[in-house]
Amino acid sequence: MKVREEQLHHICRTLLSRWKEKGMIRPKVSLEVLLAKMIGEVSADIKREEALDREVEALMEKHSRELSQSQASAHLMFQKIKERLAKERGIVL
């Protein structure tokens, strides 16, 4: 899923304000510092998942001949391979 920069900022800002309103967090730094850190972490996680997607696509391309002979759908195979690689690497999807 592609997330635009402004969407990412809006999502993080909304989460942060809701957590603060509900008393789920008591920030020890300014909200702007916390927001910047949050955006950085979410952005890094999105980039990790995009890299994983590219790797899965490369694996599927490499083994496309075998995959074309099987009855499994490409989308299902993509999901299975992605889940397995994510689990091996400790990436939470």
PDB file of N, CA and C in Angstrom:
ATOM      1  N   MET A   1       0.840  -1.171   0.000  1.00  0.00           N
ATOM      2  CA  MET A   1       0.000   0.000   0.000  1.00  0.00           C
ATOM      3  C   MET A   1       0.888   1.239   0.000  1.00  0.00           C
ATOM      4  N   LYS A   2       0.675   2.095  -0.941  1.00  0.00           N
ATOM      5  CA  LYS A   2       1.428   3.335  -1.028  1.00  0.00           C
ATOM      6  C   LYS A   2       0.760   4.383  -0.140  1.00  0.00           C
ATOM      7  N   VAL A   3       1.560   4.989   0.717  1.00  0.00           N
ATOM      8  CA  VAL A   3       1.066   6.039   1.596  1.00  0.00           C
ATOM      9  C   VAL A   3       1.829   7.313   1.260  1.00  0.00           C
ATOM     10  N   ARG A   4       1.092   8.352   0.926  1.00  0.00           N
ATOM     11  CA  ARG A   4       1.737   9.632   0.629  1.00  0.00           C
ATOM     12  C   ARG A   4       2.250  10.255   1.915  1.00  0.00           C
ATOM     13  N   GLU A   5       3.241  11.121   1.770  1.00  0.00           N
ATOM     14  CA  GLU A   5       3.883  11.767   2.917  1.00  0.00           C
ATOM     15  C   GLU A   5       2.868  12.505   3.796  1.00  0.00           C
ATOM     16  N   GLU A   6       1.957  13.232   3.167  1.00  0.00           N
ATOM     17  CA  GLU A   6       0.974  13.986   3.958  1.00  0.00           C
ATOM     18  C   GLU A   6      -0.003  13.052   4.675  1.00  0.00           C
ATOM     19  N   GLN A   7      -0.311  11.899   4.071  1.00  0.00           N
ATOM     20  CA  GLN A   7      -1.168  10.913   4.735  1.00  0.00           C
ATOM     21  C   GLN A   7      -0.462  10.353   5.965  1.00  0.00           C
ATOM     22  N   LEU A   8       0.814  10.060   5.825  1.00  0.00           N
ATOM     23  CA  LEU A   8       1.597   9.531   6.933  1.00  0.00           C
ATOM     24  C   LEU A   8       1.624  10.532   8.091  1.00  0.00           C
ATOM     25  N   HIS A   9       1.848  11.794   7.780  1.00  0.00           N
ATOM     26  CA  HIS A   9       1.862  12.833   8.820  1.00  0.00           C
ATOM     27  C   HIS A   9       0.507  12.924   9.510  1.00  0.00           C
ATOM     28  N   HIS A  10      -0.555  12.897   8.712  1.00  0.00           N
ATOM     29  CA  HIS A  10      -1.904  13.004   9.275  1.00  0.00           C
ATOM     30  C   HIS A  10      -2.226  11.813  10.188  1.00  0.00           C
ATOM     31  N   ILE A  11      -1.892  10.612   9.743  1.00  0.00           N
ATOM     32  CA  ILE A  11      -2.164   9.406  10.536  1.00  0.00           C
ATOM     33  C   ILE A  11      -1.406   9.469  11.865  1.00  0.00           C
ATOM     34  N   CYS A  12      -0.123   9.789  11.800  1.00  0.00           N
ATOM     35  CA  CYS A  12       0.681   9.838  13.024  1.00  0.00           C
ATOM     36  C   CYS A  12       0.205  10.948  13.960  1.00  0.00           C
ATOM     37  N   ARG A  13      -0.111  12.113  13.407  1.00  0.00           N
ATOM     38  CA  ARG A  13      -0.593  13.230  14.223  1.00  0.00           C
ATOM     39  C   ARG A  13      -1.901  12.852  14.909  1.00  0.00           C
ATOM     40  N   THR A  14      -2.803  12.203  14.185  1.00  0.00           N
ATOM     41  CA  THR A  14      -4.092  11.792  14.739  1.00  0.00           C
ATOM     42  C   THR A  14      -3.908  10.765  15.850  1.00  0.00           C
ATOM     43  N   LEU A  15      -3.078   9.750  15.600  1.00  0.00           N
ATOM     44  CA  LEU A  15      -2.820   8.732  16.630  1.00  0.00           C
ATOM     45  C   LEU A  15      -2.238   9.363  17.881  1.00  0.00           C
ATOM     46  N   LEU A  16      -1.253  10.212  17.698  1.00  0.00           N
ATOM     47  CA  LEU A  16      -0.589  10.846  18.832  1.00  0.00           C
ATOM     48  C   LEU A  16      -1.568  11.685  19.650  1.00  0.00           C
ATOM     49  N   SER A  17      -2.407  12.460  18.984  1.00  0.00           N
ATOM     50  CA  SER A  17      -3.365  13.290  19.727  1.00  0.00           C
ATOM     51  C   SER A  17      -4.405  12.441  20.457  1.00  0.00           C
ATOM     52  N   ARG A  18      -4.848  11.358  19.816  1.00  0.00           N
ATOM     53  CA  ARG A  18      -5.831  10.480  20.480  1.00  0.00           C
ATOM     54  C   ARG A  18      -5.219   9.772  21.686  1.00  0.00           C
ATOM     55  N   TRP A  19      -3.984   9.297  21.533  1.00  0.00           N
ATOM     56  CA  TRP A  19      -3.312   8.639  22.665  1.00  0.00           C
ATOM     57  C   TRP A  19      -3.162   9.613  23.828  1.00  0.00           C
ATOM     58  N   LYS A  20      -2.821  10.868  23.524  1.00  0.00           N
ATOM     59  CA  LYS A  20      -2.642  11.872  24.579  1.00  0.00           C
ATOM     60  C   LYS A  20      -3.982  12.199  25.242  1.00  0.00           C
ATOM     61  N   GLU A  21      -5.031  12.389  24.430  1.00  0.00           N
ATOM     62  CA  GLU A  21      -6.364  12.690  24.961  1.00  0.00           C
ATOM     63  C   GLU A  21      -6.860  11.598  25.900  1.00  0.00           C
ATOM     64  N   LYS A  22      -6.598  10.352  25.550  1.00  0.00           N
ATOM     65  CA  LYS A  22      -7.066   9.216  26.351  1.00  0.00           C
ATOM     66  C   LYS A  22      -6.129   8.902  27.512  1.00  0.00           C
ATOM     67  N   GLY A  23      -5.057   9.646  27.658  1.00  0.00           N
ATOM     68  CA  GLY A  23      -4.125   9.419  28.749  1.00  0.00           C
ATOM     69  C   GLY A  23      -3.277   8.167  28.573  1.00  0.00           C
ATOM     70  N   MET A  24      -3.167   7.695  27.343  1.00  0.00           N
ATOM     71  CA  MET A  24      -2.383   6.491  27.083  1.00  0.00           C
ATOM     72  C   MET A  24      -0.884   6.786  27.079  1.00  0.00           C
ATOM     73  N   ILE A  25      -0.534   8.046  26.868  1.00  0.00           N
ATOM     74  CA  ILE A  25       0.871   8.454  26.895  1.00  0.00           C
ATOM     75  C   ILE A  25       1.011   9.735  27.697  1.00  0.00           C
ATOM     76  N   ARG A  26       2.177   9.912  28.278  1.00  0.00           N
ATOM     77  CA  ARG A  26       2.551  11.159  28.949  1.00  0.00           C
ATOM     78  C   ARG A  26       3.938  11.530  28.436  1.00  0.00           C
ATOM     79  N   PRO A  27       3.966  12.254  27.317  1.00  0.00           N
ATOM     80  CA  PRO A  27       5.242  12.539  26.665  1.00  0.00           C
ATOM     81  C   PRO A  27       6.201  13.330  27.555  1.00  0.00           C
ATOM     82  N   LYS A  28       7.475  12.958  27.498  1.00  0.00           N
ATOM     83  CA  LYS A  28       8.517  13.657  28.242  1.00  0.00           C
ATOM     84  C   LYS A  28       9.251  14.647  27.348  1.00  0.00           C
ATOM     85  N   VAL A  29       8.915  14.617  26.058  1.00  0.00           N
ATOM     86  CA  VAL A  29       9.464  15.557  25.082  1.00  0.00           C
ATOM     87  C   VAL A  29       8.289  16.248  24.399  1.00  0.00           C
ATOM     88  N   SER A  30       8.596  17.261  23.617  1.00  0.00           N
ATOM     89  CA  SER A  30       7.509  17.973  22.933  1.00  0.00           C
ATOM     90  C   SER A  30       6.808  17.047  21.952  1.00  0.00           C
ATOM     91  N   LEU A  31       5.558  17.379  21.677  1.00  0.00           N
ATOM     92  CA  LEU A  31       4.781  16.563  20.754  1.00  0.00           C
ATOM     93  C   LEU A  31       5.395  16.579  19.352  1.00  0.00           C
ATOM     94  N   GLU A  32       6.020  17.686  18.976  1.00  0.00           N
ATOM     95  CA  GLU A  32       6.658  17.767  17.663  1.00  0.00           C
ATOM     96  C   GLU A  32       7.826  16.791  17.560  1.00  0.00           C
ATOM     97  N   VAL A  33       8.617  16.670  18.625  1.00  0.00           N
ATOM     98  CA  VAL A  33       9.736  15.724  18.631  1.00  0.00           C
ATOM     99  C   VAL A  33       9.203  14.300  18.559  1.00  0.00           C
ATOM    100  N   LEU A  34       8.195  14.026  19.342  1.00  0.00           N
ATOM    101  CA  LEU A  34       7.580  12.698  19.348  1.00  0.00           C
ATOM    102  C   LEU A  34       6.952  12.376  17.990  1.00  0.00           C
ATOM    103  N   LEU A  35       6.289  13.356  17.392  1.00  0.00           N
ATOM    104  CA  LEU A  35       5.671  13.165  16.083  1.00  0.00           C
ATOM    105  C   LEU A  35       6.739  12.865  15.027  1.00  0.00           C
ATOM    106  N   ALA A  36       7.836  13.591  15.051  1.00  0.00           N
ATOM    107  CA  ALA A  36       8.912  13.370  14.078  1.00  0.00           C
ATOM    108  C   ALA A  36       9.488  11.961  14.229  1.00  0.00           C
ATOM    109  N   LYS A  37       9.681  11.522  15.455  1.00  0.00           N
ATOM    110  CA  LYS A  37      10.207  10.174  15.700  1.00  0.00           C
ATOM    111  C   LYS A  37       9.214   9.119  15.211  1.00  0.00           C
ATOM    112  N   MET A  38       7.951   9.343  15.491  1.00  0.00           N
ATOM    113  CA  MET A  38       6.903   8.409  15.089  1.00  0.00           C
ATOM    114  C   MET A  38       6.838   8.305  13.563  1.00  0.00           C
ATOM    115  N   ILE A  39       6.866   9.430  12.880  1.00  0.00           N
ATOM    116  CA  ILE A  39       6.838   9.449  11.417  1.00  0.00           C
ATOM    117  C   ILE A  39       8.059   8.722  10.864  1.00  0.00           C
ATOM    118  N   GLY A  40       9.214   8.938  11.463  1.00  0.00           N
ATOM    119  CA  GLY A  40      10.432   8.271  11.025  1.00  0.00           C
ATOM    120  C   GLY A  40      10.346   6.765  11.157  1.00  0.00           C
ATOM    121  N   GLU A  41       9.817   6.291  12.264  1.00  0.00           N
ATOM    122  CA  GLU A  41       9.700   4.845  12.491  1.00  0.00           C
ATOM    123  C   GLU A  41       8.695   4.201  11.539  1.00  0.00           C
ATOM    124  N   VAL A  42       7.549   4.838  11.363  1.00  0.00           N
ATOM    125  CA  VAL A  42       6.534   4.290  10.463  1.00  0.00           C
ATOM    126  C   VAL A  42       7.058   4.300   9.025  1.00  0.00           C
ATOM    127  N   SER A  43       7.719   5.379   8.653  1.00  0.00           N
ATOM    128  CA  SER A  43       8.292   5.476   7.310  1.00  0.00           C
ATOM    129  C   SER A  43       9.340   4.384   7.077  1.00  0.00           C
ATOM    130  N   ALA A  44      10.192   4.150   8.057  1.00  0.00           N
ATOM    131  CA  ALA A  44      11.210   3.095   7.945  1.00  0.00           C
ATOM    132  C   ALA A  44      10.548   1.724   7.813  1.00  0.00           C
ATOM    133  N   ASP A  45       9.477   1.507   8.542  1.00  0.00           N
ATOM    134  CA  ASP A  45       8.762   0.235   8.468  1.00  0.00           C
ATOM    135  C   ASP A  45       8.132   0.040   7.090  1.00  0.00           C
ATOM    136  N   ILE A  46       7.582   1.098   6.533  1.00  0.00           N
ATOM    137  CA  ILE A  46       6.992   1.026   5.188  1.00  0.00           C
ATOM    138  C   ILE A  46       8.081   0.694   4.172  1.00  0.00           C
ATOM    139  N   LYS A  47       9.239   1.311   4.312  1.00  0.00           N
ATOM    140  CA  LYS A  47      10.348   1.040   3.390  1.00  0.00           C
ATOM    141  C   LYS A  47      10.834  -0.403   3.512  1.00  0.00           C
ATOM    142  N   ARG A  48      10.865  -0.935   4.744  1.00  0.00           N
ATOM    143  CA  ARG A  48      11.250  -2.342   4.927  1.00  0.00           C
ATOM    144  C   ARG A  48      10.267  -3.266   4.220  1.00  0.00           C
ATOM    145  N   GLU A  49       8.986  -2.967   4.332  1.00  0.00           N
ATOM    146  CA  GLU A  49       7.984  -3.806   3.681  1.00  0.00           C
ATOM    147  C   GLU A  49       8.075  -3.687   2.161  1.00  0.00           C
ATOM    148  N   GLU A  50       8.340  -2.492   1.648  1.00  0.00           N
ATOM    149  CA  GLU A  50       8.500  -2.323   0.204  1.00  0.00           C
ATOM    150  C   GLU A  50       9.701  -3.116  -0.306  1.00  0.00           C
ATOM    151  N   ALA A  51      10.797  -3.117   0.446  1.00  0.00           N
ATOM    152  CA  ALA A  51      11.980  -3.895   0.071  1.00  0.00           C
ATOM    153  C   ALA A  51      11.656  -5.388   0.071  1.00  0.00           C
ATOM    154  N   LEU A  52      10.894  -5.817   1.053  1.00  0.00           N
ATOM    155  CA  LEU A  52      10.471  -7.212   1.127  1.00  0.00           C
ATOM    156  C   LEU A  52       9.607  -7.568  -0.082  1.00  0.00           C
ATOM    157  N   ASP A  53       8.702  -6.671  -0.463  1.00  0.00           N
ATOM    158  CA  ASP A  53       7.864  -6.898  -1.647  1.00  0.00           C
ATOM    159  C   ASP A  53       8.724  -7.067  -2.901  1.00  0.00           C
ATOM    160  N   ARG A  54       9.735  -6.213  -3.049  1.00  0.00           N
ATOM    161  CA  ARG A  54      10.611  -6.317  -4.216  1.00  0.00           C
ATOM    162  C   ARG A  54      11.367  -7.643  -4.227  1.00  0.00           C
ATOM    163  N   GLU A  55      11.786  -8.086  -3.060  1.00  0.00           N
ATOM    164  CA  GLU A  55      12.498  -9.358  -2.972  1.00  0.00           C
ATOM    165  C   GLU A  55      11.578 -10.533  -3.324  1.00  0.00           C
ATOM    166  N   VAL A  56      10.351 -10.485  -2.842  1.00  0.00           N
ATOM    167  CA  VAL A  56       9.386 -11.539  -3.155  1.00  0.00           C
ATOM    168  C   VAL A  56       9.113 -11.560  -4.663  1.00  0.00           C
ATOM    169  N   GLU A  57       8.944 -10.384  -5.249  1.00  0.00           N
ATOM    170  CA  GLU A  57       8.715 -10.314  -6.695  1.00  0.00           C
ATOM    171  C   GLU A  57       9.898 -10.902  -7.466  1.00  0.00           C
ATOM    172  N   ALA A  58      11.120 -10.624  -7.020  1.00  0.00           N
ATOM    173  CA  ALA A  58      12.314 -11.166  -7.675  1.00  0.00           C
ATOM    174  C   ALA A  58      12.348 -12.690  -7.558  1.00  0.00           C
ATOM    175  N   LEU A  59      12.003 -13.213  -6.386  1.00  0.00           N
ATOM    176  CA  LEU A  59      11.955 -14.663  -6.200  1.00  0.00           C
ATOM    177  C   LEU A  59      10.906 -15.299  -7.100  1.00  0.00           C
ATOM    178  N   MET A  60       9.764 -14.659  -7.188  1.00  0.00           N
ATOM    179  CA  MET A  60       8.700 -15.199  -8.035  1.00  0.00           C
ATOM    180  C   MET A  60       9.115 -15.161  -9.504  1.00  0.00           C
ATOM    181  N   GLU A  61       9.774 -14.117  -9.900  1.00  0.00           N
ATOM    182  CA  GLU A  61      10.256 -14.025 -11.285  1.00  0.00           C
ATOM    183  C   GLU A  61      11.288 -15.108 -11.568  1.00  0.00           C
ATOM    184  N   LYS A  62      12.171 -15.317 -10.613  1.00  0.00           N
ATOM    185  CA  LYS A  62      13.218 -16.331 -10.758  1.00  0.00           C
ATOM    186  C   LYS A  62      12.606 -17.724 -10.931  1.00  0.00           C
ATOM    187  N   HIS A  63      11.523 -17.967 -10.226  1.00  0.00           N
ATOM    188  CA  HIS A  63      10.886 -19.291 -10.256  1.00  0.00           C
ATOM    189  C   HIS A  63       9.574 -19.280 -11.036  1.00  0.00           C
ATOM    190  N   SER A  64       9.450 -18.358 -11.949  1.00  0.00           N
ATOM    191  CA  SER A  64       8.180 -18.197 -12.674  1.00  0.00           C
ATOM    192  C   SER A  64       7.804 -19.438 -13.477  1.00  0.00           C
ATOM    193  N   ARG A  65       8.787 -20.143 -13.980  1.00  0.00           N
ATOM    194  CA  ARG A  65       8.486 -21.337 -14.771  1.00  0.00           C
ATOM    195  C   ARG A  65       7.791 -22.393 -13.911  1.00  0.00           C
ATOM    196  N   GLU A  66       8.351 -22.637 -12.719  1.00  0.00           N
ATOM    197  CA  GLU A  66       7.728 -23.625 -11.836  1.00  0.00           C
ATOM    198  C   GLU A  66       6.357 -23.153 -11.356  1.00  0.00           C
ATOM    199  N   LEU A  67       6.250 -21.847 -11.083  1.00  0.00           N
ATOM    200  CA  LEU A  67       4.977 -21.316 -10.600  1.00  0.00           C
ATOM    201  C   LEU A  67       3.897 -21.408 -11.675  1.00  0.00           C
ATOM    202  N   SER A  68       4.279 -21.219 -12.939  1.00  0.00           N
ATOM    203  CA  SER A  68       3.276 -21.271 -14.006  1.00  0.00           C
ATOM    204  C   SER A  68       2.725 -22.680 -14.189  1.00  0.00           C
ATOM    205  N   GLN A  69       3.506 -23.675 -13.804  1.00  0.00           N
ATOM    206  CA  GLN A  69       3.049 -25.062 -13.934  1.00  0.00           C
ATOM    207  C   GLN A  69       2.157 -25.489 -12.765  1.00  0.00           C
ATOM    208  N   SER A  70       2.206 -24.733 -11.687  1.00  0.00           N
ATOM    209  CA  SER A  70       1.377 -25.082 -10.531  1.00  0.00           C
ATOM    210  C   SER A  70      -0.008 -24.459 -10.678  1.00  0.00           C
ATOM    211  N   GLN A  71      -0.913 -24.865  -9.839  1.00  0.00           N
ATOM    212  CA  GLN A  71      -2.283 -24.365  -9.887  1.00  0.00           C
ATOM    213  C   GLN A  71      -2.497 -23.172  -8.958  1.00  0.00           C
ATOM    214  N   ALA A  72      -1.463 -22.797  -8.205  1.00  0.00           N
ATOM    215  CA  ALA A  72      -1.606 -21.711  -7.228  1.00  0.00           C
ATOM    216  C   ALA A  72      -1.665 -20.360  -7.935  1.00  0.00           C
ATOM    217  N   SER A  73      -2.430 -19.454  -7.381  1.00  0.00           N
ATOM    218  CA  SER A  73      -2.515 -18.114  -7.965  1.00  0.00           C
ATOM    219  C   SER A  73      -1.260 -17.323  -7.594  1.00  0.00           C
ATOM    220  N   ALA A  74      -0.880 -16.405  -8.439  1.00  0.00           N
ATOM    221  CA  ALA A  74       0.312 -15.598  -8.211  1.00  0.00           C
ATOM    222  C   ALA A  74       0.170 -14.760  -6.939  1.00  0.00           C
ATOM    223  N   HIS A  75      -1.017 -14.231  -6.721  1.00  0.00           N
ATOM    224  CA  HIS A  75      -1.241 -13.403  -5.534  1.00  0.00           C
ATOM    225  C   HIS A  75      -1.090 -14.216  -4.250  1.00  0.00           C
ATOM    226  N   LEU A  76      -1.649 -15.404  -4.252  1.00  0.00           N
ATOM    227  CA  LEU A  76      -1.548 -16.273  -3.080  1.00  0.00           C
ATOM    228  C   LEU A  76      -0.091 -16.654  -2.818  1.00  0.00           C
ATOM    229  N   MET A  77       0.632 -16.986  -3.872  1.00  0.00           N
ATOM    230  CA  MET A  77       2.038 -17.334  -3.722  1.00  0.00           C
ATOM    231  C   MET A  77       2.835 -16.147  -3.200  1.00  0.00           C
ATOM    232  N   PHE A  78       2.545 -14.945  -3.700  1.00  0.00           N
ATOM    233  CA  PHE A  78       3.211 -13.732  -3.244  1.00  0.00           C
ATOM    234  C   PHE A  78       3.017 -13.563  -1.740  1.00  0.00           C
ATOM    235  N   GLN A  79       1.776 -13.692  -1.281  1.00  0.00           N
ATOM    236  CA  GLN A  79       1.468 -13.545   0.143  1.00  0.00           C
ATOM    237  C   GLN A  79       2.192 -14.585   0.994  1.00  0.00           C
ATOM    238  N   LYS A  80       2.188 -15.833   0.551  1.00  0.00           N
ATOM    239  CA  LYS A  80       2.839 -16.914   1.306  1.00  0.00           C
ATOM    240  C   LYS A  80       4.341 -16.672   1.411  1.00  0.00           C
ATOM    241  N   ILE A  81       4.968 -16.317   0.289  1.00  0.00           N
ATOM    242  CA  ILE A  81       6.410 -16.074   0.296  1.00  0.00           C
ATOM    243  C   ILE A  81       6.732 -14.873   1.183  1.00  0.00           C
ATOM    244  N   LYS A  82       5.935 -13.821   1.069  1.00  0.00           N
ATOM    245  CA  LYS A  82       6.157 -12.609   1.867  1.00  0.00           C
ATOM    246  C   LYS A  82       6.030 -12.910   3.358  1.00  0.00           C
ATOM    247  N   GLU A  83       5.009 -13.660   3.733  1.00  0.00           N
ATOM    248  CA  GLU A  83       4.810 -14.017   5.140  1.00  0.00           C
ATOM    249  C   GLU A  83       5.989 -14.829   5.673  1.00  0.00           C
ATOM    250  N   ARG A  84       6.471 -15.758   4.858  1.00  0.00           N
ATOM    251  CA  ARG A  84       7.584 -16.602   5.295  1.00  0.00           C
ATOM    252  C   ARG A  84       8.869 -15.782   5.468  1.00  0.00           C
ATOM    253  N   LEU A  85       9.179 -14.929   4.489  1.00  0.00           N
ATOM    254  CA  LEU A  85      10.376 -14.101   4.605  1.00  0.00           C
ATOM    255  C   LEU A  85      10.269 -13.131   5.783  1.00  0.00           C
ATOM    256  N   ALA A  86       9.085 -12.562   5.977  1.00  0.00           N
ATOM    257  CA  ALA A  86       8.882 -11.643   7.091  1.00  0.00           C
ATOM    258  C   ALA A  86       9.100 -12.352   8.425  1.00  0.00           C
ATOM    259  N   LYS A  87       8.587 -13.553   8.540  1.00  0.00           N
ATOM    260  CA  LYS A  87       8.738 -14.324   9.778  1.00  0.00           C
ATOM    261  C   LYS A  87      10.214 -14.642  10.026  1.00  0.00           C
ATOM    262  N   GLU A  88      10.926 -15.061   8.969  1.00  0.00           N
ATOM    263  CA  GLU A  88      12.345 -15.371   9.105  1.00  0.00           C
ATOM    264  C   GLU A  88      13.167 -14.158   9.538  1.00  0.00           C
ATOM    265  N   ARG A  89      12.747 -12.976   9.108  1.00  0.00           N
ATOM    266  CA  ARG A  89      13.513 -11.761   9.386  1.00  0.00           C
ATOM    267  C   ARG A  89      12.979 -10.963  10.564  1.00  0.00           C
ATOM    268  N   GLY A  90      11.929 -11.449  11.176  1.00  0.00           N
ATOM    269  CA  GLY A  90      11.368 -10.760  12.338  1.00  0.00           C
ATOM    270  C   GLY A  90      10.649  -9.469  11.977  1.00  0.00           C
ATOM    271  N   ILE A  91      10.110  -9.399  10.767  1.00  0.00           N
ATOM    272  CA  ILE A  91       9.357  -8.227  10.340  1.00  0.00           C
ATOM    273  C   ILE A  91       7.890  -8.456  10.624  1.00  0.00           C
ATOM    274  N   VAL A  92       7.279  -7.512  11.317  1.00  0.00           N
ATOM    275  CA  VAL A  92       5.860  -7.622  11.623  1.00  0.00           C
ATOM    276  C   VAL A  92       5.099  -6.922  10.512  1.00  0.00           C
ATOM    277  N   LEU A  93       4.192  -7.659   9.886  1.00  0.00           N
ATOM    278  CA  LEU A  93       3.410  -7.082   8.772  1.00  0.00           C
ATOM    279  C   LEU A  93       2.109  -6.530   9.282  1.00  0.00           C
TER     280      LEU A  93
END
